Amino acid sequence: MPTLSILLLCWNQERYLEQCIASLAAQTSRDFEVVFLDNASADSSFERASRLFRDHGIDARLLRNERPEGISRNCNRLVAASTGELVVPLAADDWFAPRYVEAMTEAAAGDPDAGWFYPSGWLYWDEEHRLEEVDSSGFLKGDLSAALLRGETPFLFIGCCYRRSAVQSVGGWDENQLIEDRDMFVRLSLEFPVHFVDERLAYYRRSKSAASAEPEFMVRGWERFYPKHRALFGRTYKAQLAEMYRSQAAVALDRGRLGFAAKLLAKSFVLRPLQPATYRTLLYLFRRAARDGR
């Protein structure tokens, strides 16, 4: 039985599969399995993945959804289909450095109290074909709950590795959440310390077409996340919710969605009317409206 299970989720990412699967074949440790789930892709992702696994000598377990499902449900299905003590969700447009599996299994063996592990890595800006080192100077280890509840991101989301027992302890991924990773991190942080593996081991592809770049999707996600954890946020709840609306309004303005941005700013003002950043974003809205003749 392998120590680590890579849970590879793909949805219309045929063009990225070669890079991702080749990175798995290049691992310095073979103490892993791959469970691949195609989320009812409209392209030929499933067929191409099958060929690539065969060509690279990886005996992967292949699963396929009849219709697209949410990430949380897919992660839970992948965990159930895997056998490793450690589980690693991986999107098919991201990839790993050769020492990823070796470094994570070493970290897990050396820190039995940690429930999850994360590395440093790179951002890959897809439209620019540009790699950028992630600044890991502020990354934390141990108890991350306070930082997460302040709205901070003190680690790299991509490449997180979890003990199966820790995932089971918190009930798996919440299938009602859209921002499933943040929700999982908060719940894990309340029960388990995290271990930072200070090596650049994960490549995170950033794209303007990703769901995380869509303000409408992100607002829907945060509007589920914040109420779920309202008791944990305490007095900061309204302030963080207001800042979420303001920051997503700024993203909407960058994309030319002035009407949607105005609605978000109105929500931000109701929650926290004296926040200077909201006034600056409102000024940005007026400038964009004047420039665009609206």
C-alpha atoms as a PDB file:
ATOM      1  CA  MET A   1       0.000   0.000   0.000  1.00  0.00           C
ATOM      2  CA  PRO A   2       1.489   3.388  -0.988  1.00  0.00           C
ATOM      3  CA  THR A   3       2.097   6.050   1.652  1.00  0.00           C
ATOM      4  CA  LEU A   4       0.737   8.924  -0.424  1.00  0.00           C
ATOM      5  CA  SER A   5      -2.263   9.206  -2.746  1.00  0.00           C
ATOM      6  CA  ILE A   6      -2.346  11.931  -5.390  1.00  0.00           C
ATOM      7  CA  LEU A   7      -5.972  12.844  -6.085  1.00  0.00           C
ATOM      8  CA  LEU A   8      -5.904  14.278  -9.591  1.00  0.00           C
ATOM      9  CA  LEU A   9      -9.031  16.170 -10.608  1.00  0.00           C
ATOM     10  CA  CYS A  10      -9.564  17.277 -14.195  1.00  0.00           C
ATOM     11  CA  TRP A  11     -12.268  19.323 -15.882  1.00  0.00           C
ATOM     12  CA  ASN A  12     -11.659  20.381 -19.497  1.00  0.00           C
ATOM     13  CA  GLN A  13      -7.906  20.571 -18.893  1.00  0.00           C
ATOM     14  CA  GLU A  14      -6.707  18.285 -21.666  1.00  0.00           C
ATOM     15  CA  ARG A  15      -4.045  20.779 -22.761  1.00  0.00           C
ATOM     16  CA  TYR A  16      -2.353  20.719 -19.349  1.00  0.00           C
ATOM     17  CA  LEU A  17      -2.316  16.975 -18.722  1.00  0.00           C
ATOM     18  CA  GLU A  18       1.068  16.255 -20.299  1.00  0.00           C
ATOM     19  CA  GLN A  19       2.879  18.671 -17.993  1.00  0.00           C
ATOM     20  CA  CYS A  20       1.007  17.502 -14.900  1.00  0.00           C
ATOM     21  CA  ILE A  21       1.349  13.755 -15.476  1.00  0.00           C
ATOM     22  CA  ALA A  22       4.976  14.066 -16.587  1.00  0.00           C
ATOM     23  CA  SER A  23       5.709  15.776 -13.258  1.00  0.00           C
ATOM     24  CA  LEU A  24       4.284  12.751 -11.441  1.00  0.00           C
ATOM     25  CA  ALA A  25       6.353  10.352 -13.525  1.00  0.00           C
ATOM     26  CA  ALA A  26       9.471  12.381 -12.628  1.00  0.00           C
ATOM     27  CA  GLN A  27       9.052  11.974  -8.850  1.00  0.00           C
ATOM     28  CA  THR A  28      12.168  10.871  -6.989  1.00  0.00           C
ATOM     29  CA  SER A  29      10.034   8.581  -4.817  1.00  0.00           C
ATOM     30  CA  ARG A  30       7.604   6.006  -6.202  1.00  0.00           C
ATOM     31  CA  ASP A  31       5.825   5.591  -2.867  1.00  0.00           C
ATOM     32  CA  PHE A  32       2.558   6.996  -4.225  1.00  0.00           C
ATOM     33  CA  GLU A  33      -0.549   6.121  -6.174  1.00  0.00           C
ATOM     34  CA  VAL A  34      -2.618   8.266  -8.521  1.00  0.00           C
ATOM     35  CA  VAL A  35      -6.407   8.333  -8.550  1.00  0.00           C
ATOM     36  CA  PHE A  36      -7.663  10.362 -11.516  1.00  0.00           C
ATOM     37  CA  LEU A  37     -11.195  11.756 -11.750  1.00  0.00           C
ATOM     38  CA  ASP A  38     -12.489  13.381 -14.914  1.00  0.00           C
ATOM     39  CA  ASN A  39     -15.333  15.724 -13.984  1.00  0.00           C
ATOM     40  CA  ALA A  40     -17.449  15.084 -17.114  1.00  0.00           C
ATOM     41  CA  SER A  41     -15.093  17.085 -19.333  1.00  0.00           C
ATOM     42  CA  ALA A  42     -16.378  18.271 -22.704  1.00  0.00           C
ATOM     43  CA  ASP A  43     -12.940  17.750 -24.269  1.00  0.00           C
ATOM     44  CA  SER A  44     -10.888  14.536 -24.543  1.00  0.00           C
ATOM     45  CA  SER A  45      -9.326  14.800 -21.092  1.00  0.00           C
ATOM     46  CA  PHE A  46     -10.226  11.267 -20.003  1.00  0.00           C
ATOM     47  CA  GLU A  47      -8.848   9.605 -23.145  1.00  0.00           C
ATOM     48  CA  ARG A  48      -5.688  11.703 -23.152  1.00  0.00           C
ATOM     49  CA  ALA A  49      -5.053  11.038 -19.459  1.00  0.00           C
ATOM     50  CA  SER A  50      -5.442   7.314 -20.062  1.00  0.00           C
ATOM     51  CA  ARG A  51      -2.801   7.429 -22.802  1.00  0.00           C
ATOM     52  CA  LEU A  52      -0.428   9.602 -20.820  1.00  0.00           C
ATOM     53  CA  PHE A  53      -0.548   7.417 -17.727  1.00  0.00           C
ATOM     54  CA  ARG A  54       0.179   4.399 -19.882  1.00  0.00           C
ATOM     55  CA  ASP A  55       2.998   6.153 -21.761  1.00  0.00           C
ATOM     56  CA  HIS A  56       4.599   7.333 -18.502  1.00  0.00           C
ATOM     57  CA  GLY A  57       4.295   3.959 -16.813  1.00  0.00           C
ATOM     58  CA  ILE A  58       1.885   5.114 -14.094  1.00  0.00           C
ATOM     59  CA  ASP A  59      -0.732   2.580 -13.059  1.00  0.00           C
ATOM     60  CA  ALA A  60      -3.425   5.115 -12.168  1.00  0.00           C
ATOM     61  CA  ARG A  61      -6.976   4.380 -11.123  1.00  0.00           C
ATOM     62  CA  LEU A  62      -9.290   6.205 -13.545  1.00  0.00           C
ATOM     63  CA  LEU A  63     -12.729   7.510 -12.571  1.00  0.00           C
ATOM     64  CA  ARG A  64     -15.232   9.530 -14.554  1.00  0.00           C
ATOM     65  CA  ASN A  65     -18.304  11.554 -13.604  1.00  0.00           C
ATOM     66  CA  GLU A  66     -21.387  11.374 -15.791  1.00  0.00           C
ATOM     67  CA  ARG A  67     -22.085  15.034 -15.025  1.00  0.00           C
ATOM     68  CA  PRO A  68     -19.941  17.792 -13.471  1.00  0.00           C
ATOM     69  CA  GLU A  69     -19.841  17.833  -9.691  1.00  0.00           C
ATOM     70  CA  GLY A  70     -18.467  20.389  -7.214  1.00  0.00           C
ATOM     71  CA  ILE A  71     -14.860  20.229  -6.084  1.00  0.00           C
ATOM     72  CA  SER A  72     -15.764  19.177  -2.542  1.00  0.00           C
ATOM     73  CA  ARG A  73     -17.821  16.202  -3.687  1.00  0.00           C
ATOM     74  CA  ASN A  74     -15.077  15.199  -6.093  1.00  0.00           C
ATOM     75  CA  CYS A  75     -12.427  15.418  -3.373  1.00  0.00           C
ATOM     76  CA  ASN A  76     -14.493  13.222  -1.086  1.00  0.00           C
ATOM     77  CA  ARG A  77     -14.960  10.687  -3.865  1.00  0.00           C
ATOM     78  CA  LEU A  78     -11.246  10.649  -4.602  1.00  0.00           C
ATOM     79  CA  VAL A  79     -10.353  10.151  -0.943  1.00  0.00           C
ATOM     80  CA  ALA A  80     -12.778   7.239  -0.733  1.00  0.00           C
ATOM     81  CA  ALA A  81     -11.190   5.643  -3.813  1.00  0.00           C
ATOM     82  CA  SER A  82      -7.615   6.017  -2.543  1.00  0.00           C
ATOM     83  CA  THR A  83      -5.578   4.049  -0.006  1.00  0.00           C
ATOM     84  CA  GLY A  84      -2.652   6.210   1.123  1.00  0.00           C
ATOM     85  CA  GLU A  85      -2.050   7.438   4.664  1.00  0.00           C
ATOM     86  CA  LEU A  86      -1.487  10.859   3.061  1.00  0.00           C
ATOM     87  CA  VAL A  87      -3.820  12.416   0.465  1.00  0.00           C
ATOM     88  CA  VAL A  88      -2.962  15.249  -1.907  1.00  0.00           C
ATOM     89  CA  PRO A  89      -5.617  16.935  -4.084  1.00  0.00           C
ATOM     90  CA  LEU A  90      -4.122  18.207  -7.341  1.00  0.00           C
ATOM     91  CA  ALA A  91      -5.842  20.092 -10.160  1.00  0.00           C
ATOM     92  CA  ALA A  92      -4.745  18.950 -13.607  1.00  0.00           C
ATOM     93  CA  ASP A  93      -3.504  22.433 -14.564  1.00  0.00           C
ATOM     94  CA  ASP A  94      -1.019  22.508 -11.666  1.00  0.00           C
ATOM     95  CA  TRP A  95       2.042  20.326 -11.202  1.00  0.00           C
ATOM     96  CA  PHE A  96       4.769  19.234  -8.784  1.00  0.00           C
ATOM     97  CA  ALA A  97       8.548  19.426  -8.602  1.00  0.00           C
ATOM     98  CA  PRO A  98      10.353  16.030  -8.637  1.00  0.00           C
ATOM     99  CA  ARG A  99      10.925  15.904  -4.882  1.00  0.00           C
ATOM    100  CA  TYR A 100       7.337  16.590  -3.873  1.00  0.00           C
ATOM    101  CA  VAL A 101       6.342  13.059  -2.834  1.00  0.00           C
ATOM    102  CA  GLU A 102       9.673  12.365  -1.143  1.00  0.00           C
ATOM    103  CA  ALA A 103       9.599  15.622   0.828  1.00  0.00           C
ATOM    104  CA  MET A 104       6.006  15.193   1.989  1.00  0.00           C
ATOM    105  CA  THR A 105       6.449  11.609   3.144  1.00  0.00           C
ATOM    106  CA  GLU A 106       9.626  12.637   5.008  1.00  0.00           C
ATOM    107  CA  ALA A 107       7.771  15.498   6.703  1.00  0.00           C
ATOM    108  CA  ALA A 108       4.892  13.240   7.734  1.00  0.00           C
ATOM    109  CA  ALA A 109       7.252  10.648   9.175  1.00  0.00           C
ATOM    110  CA  GLY A 110       9.215  13.291  11.067  1.00  0.00           C
ATOM    111  CA  ASP A 111       6.239  15.195  12.511  1.00  0.00           C
ATOM    112  CA  PRO A 112       3.561  12.710  13.626  1.00  0.00           C
ATOM    113  CA  ASP A 113       1.499  15.403  15.386  1.00  0.00           C
ATOM    114  CA  ALA A 114       0.929  17.464  12.245  1.00  0.00           C
ATOM    115  CA  GLY A 115      -2.352  16.839  10.450  1.00  0.00           C
ATOM    116  CA  TRP A 116      -1.379  18.602   7.236  1.00  0.00           C
ATOM    117  CA  PHE A 117       1.676  19.790   5.352  1.00  0.00           C
ATOM    118  CA  TYR A 118       2.394  22.388   2.698  1.00  0.00           C
ATOM    119  CA  PRO A 119       5.416  23.451   0.623  1.00  0.00           C
ATOM    120  CA  SER A 120       6.606  26.650  -0.955  1.00  0.00           C
ATOM    121  CA  GLY A 121       6.492  26.938  -4.708  1.00  0.00           C
ATOM    122  CA  TRP A 122       5.946  29.043  -7.779  1.00  0.00           C
ATOM    123  CA  LEU A 123       3.117  30.927  -9.435  1.00  0.00           C
ATOM    124  CA  TYR A 124       2.812  30.375 -13.161  1.00  0.00           C
ATOM    125  CA  TRP A 125       1.014  33.234 -14.922  1.00  0.00           C
ATOM    126  CA  ASP A 126      -0.610  31.441 -17.826  1.00  0.00           C
ATOM    127  CA  GLU A 127      -1.312  34.327 -20.181  1.00  0.00           C
ATOM    128  CA  GLU A 128       2.209  35.696 -19.736  1.00  0.00           C
ATOM    129  CA  HIS A 129       3.991  32.314 -19.670  1.00  0.00           C
ATOM    130  CA  ARG A 130       5.863  33.582 -16.637  1.00  0.00           C
ATOM    131  CA  LEU A 131       7.091  31.879 -13.467  1.00  0.00           C
ATOM    132  CA  GLU A 132       7.244  33.814 -10.206  1.00  0.00           C
ATOM    133  CA  GLU A 133       8.658  32.579  -6.930  1.00  0.00           C
ATOM    134  CA  VAL A 134       6.131  32.590  -4.097  1.00  0.00           C
ATOM    135  CA  ASP A 135       7.284  34.802  -1.222  1.00  0.00           C
ATOM    136  CA  SER A 136       7.348  32.352   1.674  1.00  0.00           C
ATOM    137  CA  SER A 137       8.986  34.701   4.188  1.00  0.00           C
ATOM    138  CA  GLY A 138       5.711  35.088   6.093  1.00  0.00           C
ATOM    139  CA  PHE A 139       4.623  31.473   5.945  1.00  0.00           C
ATOM    140  CA  LEU A 140       3.671  29.969   9.296  1.00  0.00           C
ATOM    141  CA  LYS A 141       3.727  26.564  10.927  1.00  0.00           C
ATOM    142  CA  GLY A 142       1.992  25.066  13.940  1.00  0.00           C
ATOM    143  CA  ASP A 143      -1.368  26.628  14.818  1.00  0.00           C
ATOM    144  CA  LEU A 144      -2.755  28.634  11.895  1.00  0.00           C
ATOM    145  CA  SER A 145      -6.261  29.151  13.266  1.00  0.00           C
ATOM    146  CA  ALA A 146      -5.747  32.730  14.486  1.00  0.00           C
ATOM    147  CA  ALA A 147      -4.171  33.859  11.201  1.00  0.00           C
ATOM    148  CA  LEU A 148      -6.885  32.217   9.108  1.00  0.00           C
ATOM    149  CA  LEU A 149      -9.612  33.808  11.207  1.00  0.00           C
ATOM    150  CA  ARG A 150      -7.988  37.205  10.650  1.00  0.00           C
ATOM    151  CA  GLY A 151      -8.455  36.602   6.931  1.00  0.00           C
ATOM    152  CA  GLU A 152      -4.767  36.041   6.263  1.00  0.00           C
ATOM    153  CA  THR A 153      -3.242  33.480   3.914  1.00  0.00           C
ATOM    154  CA  PRO A 154      -0.031  32.430   5.683  1.00  0.00           C
ATOM    155  CA  PHE A 155       0.799  29.508   3.377  1.00  0.00           C
ATOM    156  CA  LEU A 156       0.556  28.207  -0.179  1.00  0.00           C
ATOM    157  CA  PHE A 157      -2.815  26.611  -0.929  1.00  0.00           C
ATOM    158  CA  ILE A 158      -1.533  24.469  -3.790  1.00  0.00           C
ATOM    159  CA  GLY A 159       0.337  21.329  -2.855  1.00  0.00           C
ATOM    160  CA  CYS A 160      -1.273  20.835   0.561  1.00  0.00           C
ATOM    161  CA  CYS A 161      -0.906  17.285   1.797  1.00  0.00           C
ATOM    162  CA  TYR A 162      -3.255  15.883   4.456  1.00  0.00           C
ATOM    163  CA  ARG A 163      -3.217  12.908   6.735  1.00  0.00           C
ATOM    164  CA  ARG A 164      -6.206  10.772   5.865  1.00  0.00           C
ATOM    165  CA  SER A 165      -7.029  10.542   9.577  1.00  0.00           C
ATOM    166  CA  ALA A 166      -7.126  14.356   9.845  1.00  0.00           C
ATOM    167  CA  VAL A 167      -9.462  14.698   6.862  1.00  0.00           C
ATOM    168  CA  GLN A 168     -11.740  12.063   8.355  1.00  0.00           C
ATOM    169  CA  SER A 169     -11.619  13.747  11.765  1.00  0.00           C
ATOM    170  CA  VAL A 170     -13.078  17.001  10.388  1.00  0.00           C
ATOM    171  CA  GLY A 171     -15.669  15.217   8.232  1.00  0.00           C
ATOM    172  CA  GLY A 172     -14.050  15.604   4.823  1.00  0.00           C
ATOM    173  CA  TRP A 173     -14.749  18.434   2.421  1.00  0.00           C
ATOM    174  CA  ASP A 174     -18.003  20.318   2.965  1.00  0.00           C
ATOM    175  CA  GLU A 175     -20.043  19.766  -0.193  1.00  0.00           C
ATOM    176  CA  ASN A 176     -22.124  22.899   0.485  1.00  0.00           C
ATOM    177  CA  GLN A 177     -19.068  25.137   0.196  1.00  0.00           C
ATOM    178  CA  LEU A 178     -17.714  26.698  -3.012  1.00  0.00           C
ATOM    179  CA  ILE A 179     -14.496  27.960  -1.408  1.00  0.00           C
ATOM    180  CA  GLU A 180     -13.819  24.477  -0.176  1.00  0.00           C
ATOM    181  CA  ASP A 181     -10.101  24.865   0.458  1.00  0.00           C
ATOM    182  CA  ARG A 182     -10.419  27.804   2.848  1.00  0.00           C
ATOM    183  CA  ASP A 183     -13.212  26.037   4.702  1.00  0.00           C
ATOM    184  CA  MET A 184     -11.088  22.903   5.058  1.00  0.00           C
ATOM    185  CA  PHE A 185      -8.094  24.910   6.282  1.00  0.00           C
ATOM    186  CA  VAL A 186     -10.119  26.625   9.000  1.00  0.00           C
ATOM    187  CA  ARG A 187     -11.571  23.355  10.279  1.00  0.00           C
ATOM    188  CA  LEU A 188      -8.222  21.556  10.171  1.00  0.00           C
ATOM    189  CA  SER A 189      -6.410  24.411  11.887  1.00  0.00           C
ATOM    190  CA  LEU A 190      -8.730  24.149  14.885  1.00  0.00           C
ATOM    191  CA  GLU A 191      -7.697  20.524  15.470  1.00  0.00           C
ATOM    192  CA  PHE A 192      -4.228  19.983  14.011  1.00  0.00           C
ATOM    193  CA  PRO A 193      -0.927  21.832  13.675  1.00  0.00           C
ATOM    194  CA  VAL A 194       0.452  22.324  10.193  1.00  0.00           C
ATOM    195  CA  HIS A 195       4.001  21.530   9.031  1.00  0.00           C
ATOM    196  CA  PHE A 196       5.718  23.876   6.549  1.00  0.00           C
ATOM    197  CA  VAL A 197       8.082  22.086   4.155  1.00  0.00           C
ATOM    198  CA  ASP A 198      10.467  24.876   3.167  1.00  0.00           C
ATOM    199  CA  GLU A 199      11.126  23.741  -0.405  1.00  0.00           C
ATOM    200  CA  ARG A 200       9.686  24.961  -3.701  1.00  0.00           C
ATOM    201  CA  LEU A 201       7.704  21.910  -4.678  1.00  0.00           C
ATOM    202  CA  ALA A 202       4.398  23.052  -6.210  1.00  0.00           C
ATOM    203  CA  TYR A 203       3.533  25.030  -9.337  1.00  0.00           C
ATOM    204  CA  TYR A 204       0.267  26.974  -9.202  1.00  0.00           C
ATOM    205  CA  ARG A 205      -1.143  28.031 -12.561  1.00  0.00           C
ATOM    206  CA  ARG A 206      -2.933  31.383 -12.428  1.00  0.00           C
ATOM    207  CA  SER A 207      -5.285  32.312 -15.253  1.00  0.00           C
ATOM    208  CA  LYS A 208      -7.773  35.073 -15.947  1.00  0.00           C
ATOM    209  CA  SER A 209     -10.310  32.385 -16.869  1.00  0.00           C
ATOM    210  CA  ALA A 210     -10.076  30.530 -13.533  1.00  0.00           C
ATOM    211  CA  ALA A 211     -13.104  30.449 -11.244  1.00  0.00           C
ATOM    212  CA  SER A 212     -11.082  32.202  -8.530  1.00  0.00           C
ATOM    213  CA  ALA A 213     -10.720  35.184 -10.862  1.00  0.00           C
ATOM    214  CA  GLU A 214     -14.495  35.532 -11.318  1.00  0.00           C
ATOM    215  CA  PRO A 215     -15.966  37.975  -8.761  1.00  0.00           C
ATOM    216  CA  GLU A 216     -19.497  36.564  -9.070  1.00  0.00           C
ATOM    217  CA  PHE A 217     -18.306  33.054  -8.195  1.00  0.00           C
ATOM    218  CA  MET A 218     -16.091  34.248  -5.362  1.00  0.00           C
ATOM    219  CA  VAL A 219     -18.855  36.358  -3.801  1.00  0.00           C
ATOM    220  CA  ARG A 220     -21.217  33.374  -3.837  1.00  0.00           C
ATOM    221  CA  GLY A 221     -18.494  31.300  -2.210  1.00  0.00           C
ATOM    222  CA  TRP A 222     -17.678  33.808   0.515  1.00  0.00           C
ATOM    223  CA  GLU A 223     -21.385  34.339   1.223  1.00  0.00           C
ATOM    224  CA  ARG A 224     -21.534  30.666   2.179  1.00  0.00           C
ATOM    225  CA  PHE A 225     -18.205  30.580   3.996  1.00  0.00           C
ATOM    226  CA  TYR A 226     -18.588  33.558   6.336  1.00  0.00           C
ATOM    227  CA  PRO A 227     -22.032  32.722   7.760  1.00  0.00           C
ATOM    228  CA  LYS A 228     -20.942  29.134   8.393  1.00  0.00           C
ATOM    229  CA  HIS A 229     -18.039  30.313  10.579  1.00  0.00           C
ATOM    230  CA  ARG A 230     -19.646  33.484  11.969  1.00  0.00           C
ATOM    231  CA  ALA A 231     -19.198  32.426  15.596  1.00  0.00           C
ATOM    232  CA  LEU A 232     -15.473  31.899  15.029  1.00  0.00           C
ATOM    233  CA  PHE A 233     -14.984  35.359  13.504  1.00  0.00           C
ATOM    234  CA  GLY A 234     -16.691  37.121  16.405  1.00  0.00           C
ATOM    235  CA  ARG A 235     -16.352  40.895  16.325  1.00  0.00           C
ATOM    236  CA  THR A 236     -14.398  40.862  13.067  1.00  0.00           C
ATOM    237  CA  TYR A 237     -17.231  39.204  11.134  1.00  0.00           C
ATOM    238  CA  LYS A 238     -18.793  42.365   9.672  1.00  0.00           C
ATOM    239  CA  ALA A 239     -15.440  43.955   8.946  1.00  0.00           C
ATOM    240  CA  GLN A 240     -14.178  40.915   7.036  1.00  0.00           C
ATOM    241  CA  LEU A 241     -17.420  40.508   5.131  1.00  0.00           C
ATOM    242  CA  ALA A 242     -17.361  44.212   4.206  1.00  0.00           C
ATOM    243  CA  GLU A 243     -13.769  43.941   3.002  1.00  0.00           C
ATOM    244  CA  MET A 244     -14.664  40.891   0.927  1.00  0.00           C
ATOM    245  CA  TYR A 245     -17.395  42.843  -0.859  1.00  0.00           C
ATOM    246  CA  ARG A 246     -15.048  45.792  -1.397  1.00  0.00           C
ATOM    247  CA  SER A 247     -12.168  43.696  -2.735  1.00  0.00           C
ATOM    248  CA  GLN A 248     -14.430  41.765  -5.102  1.00  0.00           C
ATOM    249  CA  ALA A 249     -15.918  45.085  -6.247  1.00  0.00           C
ATOM    250  CA  ALA A 250     -12.401  46.157  -7.213  1.00  0.00           C
ATOM    251  CA  VAL A 251     -11.963  42.940  -9.217  1.00  0.00           C
ATOM    252  CA  ALA A 252     -15.308  43.532 -10.916  1.00  0.00           C
ATOM    253  CA  LEU A 253     -14.227  47.078 -11.821  1.00  0.00           C
ATOM    254  CA  ASP A 254     -11.003  45.768 -13.348  1.00  0.00           C
ATOM    255  CA  ARG A 255     -13.184  43.526 -15.526  1.00  0.00           C
ATOM    256  CA  GLY A 256     -15.503  46.384 -16.511  1.00  0.00           C
ATOM    257  CA  ARG A 257     -18.517  45.100 -14.533  1.00  0.00           C
ATOM    258  CA  LEU A 258     -19.485  48.438 -13.068  1.00  0.00           C
ATOM    259  CA  GLY A 259     -23.068  47.580 -12.150  1.00  0.00           C
ATOM    260  CA  PHE A 260     -22.061  44.506 -10.195  1.00  0.00           C
ATOM    261  CA  ALA A 261     -19.255  46.460  -8.516  1.00  0.00           C
ATOM    262  CA  ALA A 262     -21.727  49.144  -7.412  1.00  0.00           C
ATOM    263  CA  LYS A 263     -23.967  46.511  -5.794  1.00  0.00           C
ATOM    264  CA  LEU A 264     -21.015  45.048  -3.895  1.00  0.00           C
ATOM    265  CA  LEU A 265     -19.878  48.460  -2.692  1.00  0.00           C
ATOM    266  CA  ALA A 266     -23.379  49.183  -1.419  1.00  0.00           C
ATOM    267  CA  LYS A 267     -23.230  45.991   0.666  1.00  0.00           C
ATOM    268  CA  SER A 268     -19.807  46.965   1.962  1.00  0.00           C
ATOM    269  CA  PHE A 269     -21.058  50.426   3.017  1.00  0.00           C
ATOM    270  CA  VAL A 270     -23.992  48.942   4.920  1.00  0.00           C
ATOM    271  CA  LEU A 271     -21.689  46.669   6.903  1.00  0.00           C
ATOM    272  CA  ARG A 272     -18.874  49.156   7.520  1.00  0.00           C
ATOM    273  CA  PRO A 273     -19.712  52.703   6.363  1.00  0.00           C
ATOM    274  CA  LEU A 274     -16.536  54.399   7.620  1.00  0.00           C
ATOM    275  CA  GLN A 275     -13.943  52.166   5.954  1.00  0.00           C
ATOM    276  CA  PRO A 276     -11.555  54.386   3.908  1.00  0.00           C
ATOM    277  CA  ALA A 277     -10.727  51.625   1.425  1.00  0.00           C
ATOM    278  CA  THR A 278     -14.394  51.457   0.413  1.00  0.00           C
ATOM    279  CA  TYR A 279     -14.382  55.177  -0.443  1.00  0.00           C
ATOM    280  CA  ARG A 280     -11.231  54.724  -2.526  1.00  0.00           C
ATOM    281  CA  THR A 281     -12.893  51.897  -4.453  1.00  0.00           C
ATOM    282  CA  LEU A 282     -16.005  54.057  -4.907  1.00  0.00           C
ATOM    283  CA  LEU A 283     -13.793  56.781  -6.394  1.00  0.00           C
ATOM    284  CA  TYR A 284     -12.338  54.142  -8.734  1.00  0.00           C
ATOM    285  CA  LEU A 285     -15.905  53.285  -9.777  1.00  0.00           C
ATOM    286  CA  PHE A 286     -16.666  56.940 -10.591  1.00  0.00           C
ATOM    287  CA  ARG A 287     -13.471  57.236 -12.635  1.00  0.00           C
ATOM    288  CA  ARG A 288     -14.225  54.073 -14.586  1.00  0.00           C
ATOM    289  CA  ALA A 289     -17.799  55.212 -15.214  1.00  0.00           C
ATOM    290  CA  ALA A 290     -16.575  58.619 -16.470  1.00  0.00           C
ATOM    291  CA  ARG A 291     -13.927  57.016 -18.669  1.00  0.00           C
ATOM    292  CA  ASP A 292     -16.367  54.528 -20.160  1.00  0.00           C
ATOM    293  CA  GLY A 293     -19.081  57.152 -20.610  1.00  0.00           C
ATOM    294  CA  ARG A 294     -21.580  55.427 -18.327  1.00  0.00           C
END
